[in-house]
Amino acid sequence: MPDFAQRGPITTLHDLGTVEIGTLEAELRESVRRSPIGLVLPITASDMRAAPFANITQKLGEADYVDTVTVVLNRADSPEDYREAARLCAPMGDRVQLLWTDGPRGTAALNELLEAGFDVSKPGKGRAVWFAFGHLLADIKLKAFVLQDGDIVGYDNEMLIRLSLPMAHPGMDFDFCKAYYARCTNKMHGRVVRLLVVPFVRALITVMGNDPYLVFLRSFRYPLAGEFAITSTLARSNRIPCDWGLEVGTLSEVFRNTSPKRVAQVDIARLYEHKHQPLSLEDPTTGLMKMASDILRNIIRTLASRGTVFGTGHFISLRSAYLRLAQDAIRQYHADSLMNGLDYDRHSEEQAIEGFAELITQTGQAVSDDPSGEPALPTWTRVMTAFPEFPLRLREIVKLDREEYLD
């Protein structure tokens, strides 16, 4: 039986296998005539040299329903990196805009914001996405921005079509659309979602009650998906975290700035694969443990900002409730893996939840010591109040870099 259930306050857009992708593609081409979209593709020097990126750019060369493709090159500090990125992006044609954050002009722009009191000092995917949104905001005809990762193995434009259509179609009125998918090869992936976020949110509801924000988070099938689409208006007013809490932090901002009924999640792929982070149980400052820590802190601080009061006893209860729910989840995943012929290392999964449980205790102490945490990037509304022409300056940076390093 196809799954068409709607659970929670957001809308779930399923792939029931009842429509040809060509039909959706034709509808998207018609829709973007009135509601053009821009695509954001953040990459690092290592991402662009990996095999998936060349396939992605080849496929996107056929995506004529995208008005502008902003490729944000970060963690790349040499003109050779820039030139190679430009060469790899060539299949996308004239629509591609290569925004180099670490080049002399990008660095100067960031330094200007720093001198004006804007905290944009921390590099990473969050800042790259933020920079790209600013670049796209210079084009007032763009109605929505679509964010897509640059390391998707087996990428197909169907993913982009299904993510973009809910934002462009005149019969839908969403402000935000999040992707979801099944992450598995010969085994289940997505450990931070399966073993931490889902049982932890359930534990929070058990201990703290049904806060609307928690109900909102629980509605997402894959809350850590890197792909989403957002209206240009909402992109102006959303803050973006700089750390591994980017995905959860984005959902927190969406919850804050729009209504859940204007939020959707869409099934973009039967299977989805990209690079994996090591669990790093021995070093909580790297890998999945660092990601898990940033996510936990983001959720707790968001709840605190909504008036939830946490004491030491709450974190003891949260840890106990989390462990029970996560252990139950492992039993379920083990059975599901058996039914689908997947490899399942139950021992390593148990080790993961024990490590995550320890992080819950550490998070309680960390939030108590530093309630505010690292500041998120400023909203573009705030930046444009101080520097109204800054998005246009980012457009100029793209143009001048291209003239200097390519022409």
Protein backbone atom coordinates (compact mmCIF):
# COMPACT_ATOMS: atom_id res chain seq x y z
CA MET A 1 0.00 0.00 0.00
CA PRO A 2 1.48 3.40 -0.94
CA ASP A 3 2.27 5.65 1.98
CA PHE A 4 0.19 8.80 1.67
CA ALA A 5 -0.23 9.49 5.39
CA GLN A 6 -0.05 13.09 6.63
CA ARG A 7 1.37 13.28 10.15
CA GLY A 8 1.99 16.49 12.05
CA PRO A 9 1.41 20.13 11.13
CA ILE A 10 3.52 20.19 7.94
CA THR A 11 2.55 18.81 4.52
CA THR A 12 4.22 15.63 3.24
CA LEU A 13 4.54 15.33 -0.53
CA HIS A 14 5.00 11.65 -1.36
CA ASP A 15 6.34 9.88 -4.39
CA LEU A 16 3.54 7.40 -5.00
CA GLY A 17 4.95 6.30 -8.36
CA THR A 18 1.81 7.53 -10.16
CA VAL A 19 3.31 10.29 -12.34
CA GLU A 20 6.12 10.39 -14.89
CA ILE A 21 8.94 12.74 -14.02
CA GLY A 22 8.59 14.30 -17.48
CA THR A 23 5.12 15.51 -16.51
CA LEU A 24 6.47 17.20 -13.37
CA GLU A 25 9.34 18.66 -15.36
CA ALA A 26 6.90 20.19 -17.86
CA GLU A 27 4.83 21.67 -15.01
CA LEU A 28 7.99 23.14 -13.48
CA ARG A 29 9.03 24.72 -16.78
CA GLU A 30 5.64 26.37 -17.03
CA SER A 31 5.62 27.45 -13.37
CA VAL A 32 9.04 29.14 -13.39
CA ARG A 33 7.88 31.50 -16.13
CA ARG A 34 6.11 33.40 -13.33
CA SER A 35 8.16 32.23 -10.37
CA PRO A 36 11.84 31.93 -11.37
CA ILE A 37 14.12 29.97 -9.05
CA GLY A 38 17.81 30.16 -8.18
CA LEU A 39 19.92 27.16 -7.26
CA VAL A 40 22.64 27.22 -4.58
CA LEU A 41 25.42 24.66 -4.86
CA PRO A 42 28.03 24.99 -2.06
CA ILE A 43 31.30 23.16 -2.72
CA THR A 44 34.78 22.90 -1.27
CA ALA A 45 37.98 22.23 -3.19
CA SER A 46 37.75 18.54 -2.25
CA ASP A 47 34.05 18.31 -3.19
CA MET A 48 34.61 19.61 -6.70
CA ARG A 49 37.41 17.11 -7.35
CA ALA A 50 35.29 14.14 -6.29
CA ALA A 51 33.49 12.11 -8.96
CA PRO A 52 29.90 13.09 -8.00
CA PHE A 53 30.37 16.79 -8.75
CA ALA A 54 31.22 16.27 -12.43
CA ASN A 55 28.04 14.20 -12.84
CA ILE A 56 25.98 16.84 -11.04
CA THR A 57 27.19 19.67 -13.29
CA GLN A 58 26.54 17.58 -16.40
CA LYS A 59 22.98 16.87 -15.27
CA LEU A 60 22.33 20.48 -14.27
CA GLY A 61 23.36 21.55 -17.76
CA GLU A 62 20.00 20.09 -18.84
CA ALA A 63 18.01 21.84 -16.08
CA ASP A 64 16.77 24.77 -18.15
CA TYR A 65 14.07 25.54 -15.56
CA VAL A 66 16.71 27.00 -13.22
CA ASP A 67 17.28 30.71 -13.83
CA THR A 68 20.58 31.12 -11.93
CA VAL A 69 23.03 28.63 -10.43
CA THR A 70 25.18 30.13 -7.67
CA VAL A 71 28.14 27.83 -7.03
CA VAL A 72 29.82 28.90 -3.79
CA LEU A 73 33.46 27.88 -3.67
CA ASN A 74 34.73 27.87 -0.09
CA ARG A 75 37.72 26.31 1.68
CA ALA A 76 39.67 26.97 -1.49
CA ASP A 77 42.39 29.63 -1.41
CA SER A 78 44.23 29.50 -4.73
CA PRO A 79 43.41 30.84 -8.21
CA GLU A 80 44.03 27.30 -9.50
CA ASP A 81 41.13 26.06 -7.37
CA TYR A 82 38.94 28.81 -8.80
CA ARG A 83 39.91 27.98 -12.38
CA GLU A 84 39.28 24.29 -11.88
CA ALA A 85 35.88 25.02 -10.35
CA ALA A 86 35.03 27.19 -13.35
CA ARG A 87 36.07 24.42 -15.73
CA LEU A 88 33.96 21.84 -13.90
CA CYS A 89 30.97 24.21 -13.84
CA ALA A 90 31.16 24.91 -17.58
CA PRO A 91 28.46 22.35 -18.53
CA MET A 92 25.90 24.54 -16.73
CA GLY A 93 26.52 27.34 -19.23
CA ASP A 94 26.07 31.06 -18.73
CA ARG A 95 23.57 30.62 -15.90
CA VAL A 96 26.33 29.64 -13.47
CA GLN A 97 27.72 32.29 -11.15
CA LEU A 98 30.92 31.22 -9.34
CA LEU A 99 31.15 32.99 -5.98
CA TRP A 100 34.60 32.52 -4.42
CA THR A 101 34.40 33.26 -0.68
CA ASP A 102 38.13 32.81 0.00
CA GLY A 103 39.41 34.88 -2.92
CA PRO A 104 40.83 38.37 -2.36
CA ARG A 105 37.52 40.08 -3.17
CA GLY A 106 35.38 37.67 -1.17
CA THR A 107 37.72 37.99 1.80
CA ALA A 108 37.65 41.79 1.56
CA ALA A 109 33.84 41.77 1.57
CA LEU A 110 33.76 39.56 4.65
CA ASN A 111 36.32 41.77 6.40
CA GLU A 112 34.18 44.81 5.72
CA LEU A 113 31.25 43.13 7.46
CA LEU A 114 33.47 42.12 10.37
CA GLU A 115 34.70 45.68 10.80
CA ALA A 116 31.08 46.83 10.87
CA GLY A 117 30.31 44.46 13.75
CA PHE A 118 28.76 41.53 11.86
CA ASP A 119 30.09 38.17 13.05
CA VAL A 120 30.84 36.33 9.80
CA SER A 121 34.25 35.01 10.81
CA LYS A 122 33.53 31.28 10.92
CA PRO A 123 34.01 29.48 7.57
CA GLY A 124 32.01 26.47 6.51
CA LYS A 125 28.87 25.39 4.70
CA GLY A 126 26.64 27.72 6.74
CA ARG A 127 28.56 30.83 5.69
CA ALA A 128 28.76 29.61 2.09
CA VAL A 129 24.98 29.17 1.93
CA TRP A 130 24.46 32.56 3.58
CA PHE A 131 26.78 34.22 1.05
CA ALA A 132 24.90 32.59 -1.82
CA PHE A 133 21.54 33.78 -0.53
CA GLY A 134 22.90 37.31 -0.45
CA HIS A 135 24.11 36.94 -4.03
CA LEU A 136 20.70 35.70 -5.21
CA LEU A 137 18.83 38.44 -3.33
CA ALA A 138 20.34 40.94 -5.75
CA ASP A 139 17.98 39.54 -8.41
CA ILE A 140 14.49 40.64 -7.41
CA LYS A 141 12.78 38.45 -10.00
CA LEU A 142 13.82 35.24 -8.20
CA LYS A 143 10.95 33.96 -6.05
CA ALA A 144 12.66 31.00 -4.39
CA PHE A 145 16.11 29.56 -3.73
CA VAL A 146 16.90 25.85 -3.81
CA LEU A 147 19.85 24.46 -1.87
CA GLN A 148 21.45 21.24 -3.06
CA ASP A 149 24.58 19.40 -1.93
CA GLY A 150 27.48 18.97 -4.32
CA ASP A 151 28.46 15.43 -3.28
CA ILE A 152 25.36 13.37 -4.13
CA VAL A 153 26.29 10.00 -5.59
CA GLY A 154 24.02 9.02 -8.49
CA TYR A 155 22.47 12.49 -8.71
CA ASP A 156 19.55 12.90 -11.08
CA ASN A 157 17.59 16.05 -11.94
CA GLU A 158 14.42 14.39 -10.64
CA MET A 159 15.68 15.35 -7.17
CA LEU A 160 15.80 19.02 -8.17
CA ILE A 161 12.45 18.90 -9.97
CA ARG A 162 10.60 17.42 -7.01
CA LEU A 163 12.20 19.89 -4.59
CA SER A 164 11.57 22.95 -6.77
CA LEU A 165 8.01 22.36 -7.98
CA PRO A 166 6.27 22.95 -4.60
CA MET A 167 7.87 26.42 -4.47
CA ALA A 168 7.08 27.46 -8.04
CA HIS A 169 3.70 25.87 -8.82
CA PRO A 170 0.83 28.42 -8.66
CA GLY A 171 -1.41 25.83 -7.01
CA MET A 172 0.85 25.54 -3.96
CA ASP A 173 1.73 28.25 -1.44
CA PHE A 174 4.69 26.98 0.57
CA ASP A 175 7.40 29.16 2.08
CA PHE A 176 9.77 26.27 2.73
CA CYS A 177 10.19 22.73 1.44
CA LYS A 178 12.54 20.14 2.93
CA ALA A 179 13.77 17.04 1.12
CA TYR A 180 13.56 13.55 2.54
CA TYR A 181 14.79 10.19 1.28
CA ALA A 182 15.98 6.75 2.34
CA ARG A 183 19.72 6.70 3.06
CA CYS A 184 20.86 3.13 2.56
CA THR A 185 23.19 1.05 0.44
CA ASN A 186 23.78 -2.47 1.72
CA LYS A 187 23.04 -1.06 5.17
CA MET A 188 21.18 1.80 6.82
CA HIS A 189 22.96 5.14 7.05
CA GLY A 190 21.80 8.40 8.63
CA ARG A 191 22.90 7.41 12.13
CA VAL A 192 22.55 10.87 13.64
CA VAL A 193 18.92 11.09 12.50
CA ARG A 194 17.98 7.51 13.34
CA LEU A 195 19.85 7.10 16.60
CA LEU A 196 19.97 10.63 18.01
CA VAL A 197 17.57 13.25 16.65
CA VAL A 198 14.40 11.15 16.41
CA PRO A 199 14.64 9.46 19.85
CA PHE A 200 15.95 12.65 21.48
CA VAL A 201 13.00 14.73 20.24
CA ARG A 202 10.66 12.01 21.48
CA ALA A 203 12.46 12.04 24.83
CA LEU A 204 12.07 15.81 25.05
CA ILE A 205 8.33 15.49 24.45
CA THR A 206 8.13 12.77 27.11
CA VAL A 207 9.99 14.85 29.70
CA MET A 208 9.09 18.45 28.77
CA GLY A 209 5.70 18.08 27.09
CA ASN A 210 4.30 18.75 23.62
CA ASP A 211 5.93 22.07 22.81
CA PRO A 212 4.79 23.12 19.28
CA TYR A 213 8.42 23.41 18.19
CA LEU A 214 9.09 19.79 19.15
CA VAL A 215 5.93 18.64 17.37
CA PHE A 216 7.17 20.56 14.32
CA LEU A 217 10.59 18.86 14.43
CA ARG A 218 9.03 15.44 14.93
CA SER A 219 7.01 15.91 11.73
CA PHE A 220 10.10 15.75 9.50
CA ARG A 221 11.08 12.36 8.18
CA TYR A 222 14.70 13.38 7.62
CA PRO A 223 15.35 16.62 9.54
CA LEU A 224 19.07 16.63 8.69
CA ALA A 225 18.60 16.54 4.92
CA GLY A 226 20.91 19.13 3.38
CA GLU A 227 18.52 19.92 0.52
CA PHE A 228 15.73 22.45 0.91
CA ALA A 229 13.91 25.21 -0.96
CA ILE A 230 12.93 28.57 0.52
CA THR A 231 11.21 31.72 -0.68
CA SER A 232 13.45 34.74 -1.19
CA THR A 233 11.44 36.61 1.44
CA LEU A 234 12.05 33.97 4.10
CA ALA A 235 15.71 33.69 3.09
CA ARG A 236 16.10 37.39 3.93
CA SER A 237 14.81 36.95 7.49
CA ASN A 238 16.24 33.57 8.49
CA ARG A 239 19.43 33.35 10.52
CA ILE A 240 21.84 30.59 9.52
CA PRO A 241 23.98 28.68 12.06
CA CYS A 242 27.70 28.37 11.33
CA ASP A 243 28.20 24.91 12.85
CA TRP A 244 26.88 21.38 12.30
CA GLY A 245 23.52 22.61 13.57
CA LEU A 246 22.85 24.17 10.16
CA GLU A 247 19.96 21.87 9.20
CA VAL A 248 18.21 21.81 12.58
CA GLY A 249 18.93 25.51 13.08
CA THR A 250 17.33 26.27 9.72
CA LEU A 251 14.20 24.40 10.79
CA SER A 252 14.16 26.39 14.04
CA GLU A 253 14.28 29.65 12.07
CA VAL A 254 11.58 28.47 9.69
CA PHE A 255 9.37 27.60 12.68
CA ARG A 256 10.02 31.05 14.10
CA ASN A 257 9.41 33.04 10.91
CA THR A 258 6.53 31.31 9.15
CA SER A 259 3.55 29.06 9.86
CA PRO A 260 3.94 25.25 9.81
CA LYS A 261 1.06 25.07 7.32
CA ARG A 262 3.34 26.90 4.86
CA VAL A 263 6.01 24.19 5.27
CA ALA A 264 6.33 20.95 3.30
CA GLN A 265 8.64 17.97 2.99
CA VAL A 266 9.02 16.12 -0.30
CA ASP A 267 10.29 12.67 -1.21
CA ILE A 268 13.04 13.35 -3.76
CA ALA A 269 14.67 9.91 -4.15
CA ARG A 270 14.07 6.27 -3.36
CA LEU A 271 17.71 5.92 -2.31
CA TYR A 272 20.22 8.68 -1.59
CA GLU A 273 23.94 8.43 -1.06
CA HIS A 274 26.70 10.91 -0.30
CA LYS A 275 29.90 11.00 1.73
CA HIS A 276 29.80 9.78 5.34
CA GLN A 277 31.38 11.22 8.47
CA PRO A 278 33.24 8.92 10.91
CA LEU A 279 31.50 8.36 14.24
CA SER A 280 34.62 9.45 16.22
CA LEU A 281 33.48 8.17 19.62
CA GLU A 282 37.00 8.73 20.94
CA ASP A 283 37.04 12.41 19.95
CA PRO A 284 33.82 14.41 20.49
CA THR A 285 35.31 17.44 18.71
CA THR A 286 35.26 15.79 15.26
CA GLY A 287 33.04 13.71 13.00
CA LEU A 288 29.53 12.67 13.93
CA MET A 289 30.09 13.35 17.62
CA LYS A 290 30.80 17.01 16.87
CA MET A 291 27.76 17.12 14.61
CA ALA A 292 25.60 15.51 17.30
CA SER A 293 26.85 17.95 19.95
CA ASP A 294 26.05 21.00 17.80
CA ILE A 295 22.58 19.64 17.02
CA LEU A 296 21.76 18.96 20.67
CA ARG A 297 22.87 22.42 21.73
CA ASN A 298 20.85 24.06 18.98
CA ILE A 299 17.65 22.25 19.98
CA ILE A 300 18.09 22.94 23.71
CA ARG A 301 18.92 26.61 23.16
CA THR A 302 15.91 27.01 20.88
CA LEU A 303 13.65 25.57 23.57
CA ALA A 304 15.25 27.83 26.18
CA SER A 305 14.58 30.84 23.95
CA ARG A 306 10.92 29.79 23.95
CA GLY A 307 10.77 29.90 27.74
CA THR A 308 11.55 26.28 28.62
CA VAL A 309 13.51 26.07 31.88
CA PHE A 310 16.08 23.27 32.19
CA GLY A 311 17.63 22.05 35.40
CA THR A 312 20.14 19.30 36.15
CA GLY A 313 17.31 16.90 36.87
CA HIS A 314 15.84 17.46 33.43
CA PHE A 315 19.01 16.29 31.72
CA ILE A 316 19.21 13.20 33.92
CA SER A 317 15.64 12.34 32.92
CA LEU A 318 16.31 13.21 29.27
CA ARG A 319 19.31 10.91 29.15
CA SER A 320 17.35 8.03 30.67
CA ALA A 321 14.35 8.56 28.40
CA TYR A 322 16.58 8.91 25.36
CA LEU A 323 18.45 5.67 26.08
CA ARG A 324 15.22 3.72 26.45
CA LEU A 325 13.75 5.11 23.22
CA ALA A 326 17.02 4.70 21.28
CA GLN A 327 17.38 1.09 22.42
CA ASP A 328 13.84 0.42 21.26
CA ALA A 329 14.71 2.01 17.92
CA ILE A 330 17.72 -0.29 17.50
CA ARG A 331 15.47 -3.32 17.93
CA GLN A 332 13.18 -1.90 15.23
CA TYR A 333 16.02 -1.08 12.82
CA HIS A 334 17.48 -4.55 13.31
CA ALA A 335 14.17 -6.17 12.37
CA ASP A 336 13.71 -3.80 9.41
CA SER A 337 17.22 -4.62 8.15
CA LEU A 338 16.52 -8.34 8.34
CA MET A 339 13.32 -7.94 6.32
CA ASN A 340 15.15 -5.95 3.64
CA GLY A 341 18.35 -8.01 3.43
CA LEU A 342 20.57 -5.25 4.83
CA ASP A 343 23.72 -5.66 6.91
CA TYR A 344 23.17 -4.47 10.46
CA ASP A 345 25.90 -4.07 13.08
CA ARG A 346 23.83 -3.95 16.24
CA HIS A 347 26.88 -3.65 18.49
CA SER A 348 28.16 -0.49 16.76
CA GLU A 349 24.67 1.01 16.90
CA GLU A 350 24.55 0.37 20.65
CA GLN A 351 27.96 2.00 21.01
CA ALA A 352 26.70 5.04 19.10
CA ILE A 353 23.70 5.63 21.35
CA GLU A 354 25.88 5.25 24.45
CA GLY A 355 28.15 7.98 23.05
CA PHE A 356 25.16 10.17 22.18
CA ALA A 357 23.72 9.68 25.67
CA GLU A 358 26.93 11.01 27.16
CA LEU A 359 26.63 14.06 24.92
CA ILE A 360 23.20 14.82 26.37
CA THR A 361 24.74 15.21 29.82
CA GLN A 362 27.58 17.31 28.42
CA THR A 363 25.10 19.48 26.53
CA GLY A 364 23.25 20.31 29.72
CA GLN A 365 26.45 21.55 31.30
CA ALA A 366 27.58 23.41 28.16
CA VAL A 367 24.28 25.27 27.77
CA SER A 368 24.28 26.14 31.47
CA ASP A 369 27.81 27.56 31.16
CA ASP A 370 27.09 29.40 27.89
CA PRO A 371 23.33 29.92 27.34
CA SER A 372 23.73 31.90 24.10
CA GLY A 373 26.40 29.82 22.35
CA GLU A 374 28.01 30.88 19.09
CA PRO A 375 25.96 33.55 17.32
CA ALA A 376 24.23 32.66 14.08
CA LEU A 377 25.02 34.62 10.95
CA PRO A 378 23.08 37.89 10.73
CA THR A 379 19.89 38.04 8.70
CA TRP A 380 20.19 39.58 5.27
CA THR A 381 17.51 42.07 6.29
CA ARG A 382 19.90 43.37 8.97
CA VAL A 383 22.91 43.43 6.64
CA MET A 384 20.98 45.23 3.92
CA THR A 385 19.81 47.82 6.42
CA ALA A 386 23.44 48.77 6.99
CA PHE A 387 24.71 48.02 3.46
CA PRO A 388 21.76 48.20 1.03
CA GLU A 389 23.95 47.49 -2.00
CA PHE A 390 25.86 44.53 -0.53
CA PRO A 391 24.06 41.84 -2.63
CA LEU A 392 24.92 43.84 -5.75
CA ARG A 393 28.51 43.93 -4.57
CA LEU A 394 28.54 40.13 -4.45
CA ARG A 395 27.37 40.12 -8.06
CA GLU A 396 30.24 42.46 -8.90
CA ILE A 397 32.71 40.16 -7.13
CA VAL A 398 31.58 37.27 -9.34
CA LYS A 399 32.05 39.39 -12.45
CA LEU A 400 35.47 40.78 -11.50
CA ASP A 401 36.84 37.39 -10.39
CA ARG A 402 35.76 35.89 -13.71
CA GLU A 403 37.42 38.70 -15.66
CA GLU A 404 40.68 38.45 -13.72
CA TYR A 405 41.14 34.69 -13.51
CA LEU A 406 39.38 33.40 -16.62
CA ASP A 407 39.10 35.97 -19.40
